[in-house]
């Protein structure tokens, strides 16, 4: 039962992260922002507003953090200066109605954090990276999130889901807390 629960919840987790948490792809290794709070919790470093999506959207996307760097490996613009690389880092989250509709077995807590990266060339010779990061905690009926959080040694961590290509990268780190099935 435990392996089936891990597989079902892990597959649901991967689908949720793929839909809601893209990150950067290409030569740079994909890193997950482990500091992002789960479930769209707003903090000064990770504000929920302003939103790029309407309030009724199933995935809420706050304004991205934008950074621009020089990219000497991409050639030069008009032969004079290095082409630019622009990164858009997003912290999307699932709307509460959709979040609550994700089925999780009774008593189970699923914590999934991940990132997707898509690197696209620009007509000016540089690149653009879309880099969403996401973090969700889902709980089944009767799950004790407080107890689970206080006992990190009792979480089960299935293998990370990793895709690494020059244009697309995905890295999802799921972990489960299943009542009565904890390593000692």
Protein backbone atom coordinates (compact mmCIF):
# COMPACT_ATOMS: atom_id res chain seq x y z
CA UNK A 1 0.00 0.00 0.00
CA UNK A 2 2.82 2.41 0.86
CA UNK A 3 4.50 2.10 -2.55
CA UNK A 4 1.17 2.59 -4.34
CA UNK A 5 0.46 5.68 -2.20
CA UNK A 6 3.95 7.03 -2.93
CA UNK A 7 3.50 6.41 -6.69
CA UNK A 8 0.03 7.97 -6.84
CA UNK A 9 0.92 10.99 -4.74
CA UNK A 10 4.30 11.38 -6.49
CA UNK A 11 2.63 11.37 -9.92
CA UNK A 12 0.07 13.94 -8.78
CA UNK A 13 2.89 16.02 -7.34
CA UNK A 14 4.84 15.95 -10.61
CA UNK A 15 1.76 16.98 -12.58
CA UNK A 16 1.07 19.88 -10.22
CA UNK A 17 4.65 21.13 -10.32
CA UNK A 18 4.88 20.82 -14.10
CA UNK A 19 1.72 22.91 -14.45
CA UNK A 20 2.63 25.47 -11.86
CA UNK A 21 6.34 25.72 -11.36
CA UNK A 22 8.59 26.17 -14.40
CA UNK A 23 12.35 27.15 -13.93
CA UNK A 24 15.55 27.85 -15.98
CA UNK A 25 17.04 25.48 -18.54
CA UNK A 26 20.32 25.25 -20.35
CA UNK A 27 23.94 25.23 -19.33
CA UNK A 28 23.33 26.35 -15.75
CA UNK A 29 22.31 23.64 -13.29
CA UNK A 30 18.70 23.99 -12.23
CA UNK A 31 18.35 24.95 -8.60
CA UNK A 32 15.22 24.95 -6.50
CA UNK A 33 14.58 27.90 -4.22
CA UNK A 34 14.08 25.96 -0.96
CA UNK A 35 13.21 29.17 0.91
CA UNK A 36 9.93 29.76 -0.94
CA UNK A 37 7.02 29.33 1.48
CA UNK A 38 4.43 26.69 0.58
CA UNK A 39 0.90 27.20 -0.72
CA UNK A 40 1.24 30.80 -1.82
CA UNK A 41 2.03 32.20 1.63
CA UNK A 42 3.11 35.80 1.17
CA UNK A 43 6.30 37.12 2.75
CA UNK A 44 8.29 40.29 1.99
CA UNK A 45 10.78 38.22 -0.08
CA UNK A 46 7.98 36.29 -1.84
CA UNK A 47 5.03 38.67 -2.26
CA UNK A 48 1.74 37.33 -3.66
CA UNK A 49 0.89 40.62 -5.31
CA UNK A 50 0.76 42.06 -7.86
CA UNK A 51 -0.69 39.10 -9.78
CA UNK A 52 -0.22 38.54 -13.50
CA UNK A 53 -3.23 36.21 -13.52
CA UNK A 54 -6.88 36.99 -12.80
CA UNK A 55 -8.22 36.05 -9.34
CA UNK A 56 -10.25 33.14 -10.80
CA UNK A 57 -7.21 31.48 -12.41
CA UNK A 58 -6.41 27.96 -11.09
CA UNK A 59 -2.71 28.89 -11.03
CA UNK A 60 -1.86 32.24 -9.49
CA UNK A 61 1.29 33.90 -10.84
CA UNK A 62 2.73 36.89 -8.96
CA UNK A 63 4.98 39.31 -10.82
CA UNK A 64 8.39 37.75 -11.53
CA UNK A 65 11.79 38.75 -10.27
CA UNK A 66 13.70 39.88 -13.38
CA UNK A 67 17.47 39.85 -13.77
CA UNK A 68 19.62 40.67 -16.78
CA UNK A 69 23.20 39.58 -17.27
CA UNK A 70 25.70 39.75 -20.07
CA UNK A 71 26.05 36.43 -21.93
CA UNK A 72 29.41 36.34 -23.76
CA UNK A 73 28.79 32.76 -24.94
CA UNK A 74 25.78 33.96 -26.96
CA UNK A 75 27.83 36.20 -29.27
CA UNK A 76 27.58 39.94 -29.57
CA UNK A 77 24.92 42.41 -30.58
CA UNK A 78 26.02 44.29 -33.71
CA UNK A 79 29.57 43.03 -33.03
CA UNK A 80 30.07 45.39 -30.08
CA UNK A 81 28.76 44.13 -26.75
CA UNK A 82 27.83 40.68 -25.43
CA UNK A 83 24.25 39.55 -25.92
CA UNK A 84 22.05 39.74 -22.86
CA UNK A 85 20.51 36.94 -20.87
CA UNK A 86 17.31 37.83 -19.07
CA UNK A 87 15.83 35.58 -16.37
CA UNK A 88 12.26 35.71 -15.15
CA UNK A 89 11.92 33.88 -11.84
CA UNK A 90 8.32 33.18 -10.86
CA UNK A 91 6.77 31.81 -7.68
CA UNK A 92 3.36 30.59 -8.85
CA UNK A 93 0.95 28.81 -6.56
CA UNK A 94 -2.24 26.84 -6.91
CA UNK A 95 -5.44 28.69 -6.04
CA UNK A 96 -6.98 27.54 -2.74
CA UNK A 97 -10.02 25.94 -4.45
CA UNK A 98 -7.82 23.81 -6.74
CA UNK A 99 -5.33 23.08 -3.95
CA UNK A 100 -8.11 21.72 -1.74
CA UNK A 101 -9.44 19.56 -4.60
CA UNK A 102 -6.15 17.61 -5.03
CA UNK A 103 -6.83 14.10 -3.67
CA UNK A 104 -4.42 12.91 -1.00
CA UNK A 105 -5.03 9.68 0.96
CA UNK A 106 -6.39 9.98 4.50
CA UNK A 107 -3.74 10.93 7.06
CA UNK A 108 -1.01 11.50 4.46
CA UNK A 109 0.94 14.75 4.09
CA UNK A 110 2.65 15.43 0.75
CA UNK A 111 5.32 18.13 0.56
CA UNK A 112 6.49 18.90 -2.99
CA UNK A 113 8.97 21.55 -3.98
CA UNK A 114 10.34 22.02 -7.44
CA UNK A 115 11.36 24.14 -10.35
CA UNK A 116 11.13 24.11 -14.12
CA UNK A 117 13.40 25.99 -16.48
CA UNK A 118 12.80 26.89 -20.10
CA UNK A 119 15.58 28.72 -21.97
CA UNK A 120 14.57 30.47 -25.19
CA UNK A 121 16.75 32.31 -27.72
CA UNK A 122 15.81 35.88 -28.57
CA UNK A 123 15.91 37.58 -31.95
CA UNK A 124 18.56 39.96 -30.58
CA UNK A 125 20.97 37.07 -30.01
CA UNK A 126 20.58 36.66 -26.25
CA UNK A 127 18.42 34.26 -24.28
CA UNK A 128 15.45 34.43 -21.97
CA UNK A 129 14.91 31.96 -19.16
CA UNK A 130 11.52 31.36 -17.60
CA UNK A 131 12.16 29.98 -14.13
CA UNK A 132 9.11 29.21 -11.98
CA UNK A 133 9.66 27.68 -8.55
CA UNK A 134 6.85 26.17 -6.49
CA UNK A 135 6.20 24.61 -3.12
CA UNK A 136 3.00 22.87 -2.06
CA UNK A 137 1.96 20.97 1.02
CA UNK A 138 -1.13 18.79 0.56
CA UNK A 139 -2.84 16.96 3.40
CA UNK A 140 -5.36 14.15 3.39
CA UNK A 141 -8.31 14.14 5.77
CA UNK A 142 -7.19 13.65 9.37
CA UNK A 143 -3.52 14.41 8.61
CA UNK A 144 -1.55 15.94 11.46
CA UNK A 145 0.69 18.51 9.72
CA UNK A 146 2.01 19.84 13.03
CA UNK A 147 3.17 16.39 14.17
CA UNK A 148 4.60 15.62 10.73
CA UNK A 149 6.55 18.91 10.65
CA UNK A 150 7.94 18.23 14.14
CA UNK A 151 9.26 14.79 13.10
CA UNK A 152 11.32 15.26 9.91
CA UNK A 153 13.02 11.88 10.37
CA UNK A 154 9.65 10.19 9.75
CA UNK A 155 9.22 11.49 6.20
CA UNK A 156 9.64 9.20 3.19
CA UNK A 157 11.50 10.78 0.26
CA UNK A 158 10.86 9.08 -3.09
CA UNK A 159 13.53 9.72 -5.73
CA UNK A 160 13.57 13.22 -7.16
CA UNK A 161 11.97 13.70 -10.56
CA UNK A 162 14.64 15.18 -12.84
CA UNK A 163 14.63 16.14 -16.53
CA UNK A 164 17.70 17.90 -17.90
CA UNK A 165 17.90 19.01 -21.54
CA UNK A 166 19.52 22.12 -23.05
CA UNK A 167 16.12 23.81 -23.43
CA UNK A 168 13.99 22.31 -20.65
CA UNK A 169 14.80 21.28 -17.09
CA UNK A 170 12.56 19.94 -14.34
CA UNK A 171 13.49 19.10 -10.77
CA UNK A 172 10.86 18.03 -8.24
CA UNK A 173 11.63 16.88 -4.70
CA UNK A 174 8.60 15.14 -3.20
CA UNK A 175 8.39 13.77 0.32
CA UNK A 176 5.59 12.00 2.16
CA UNK A 177 4.50 11.58 5.71
CA UNK A 178 2.36 8.48 6.05
CA UNK A 179 0.89 7.70 9.49
CA UNK A 180 2.05 4.41 10.98
CA UNK A 181 4.77 3.84 8.35
CA UNK A 182 7.77 5.69 9.70
CA UNK A 183 11.40 4.55 9.68
CA UNK A 184 12.91 4.14 13.13
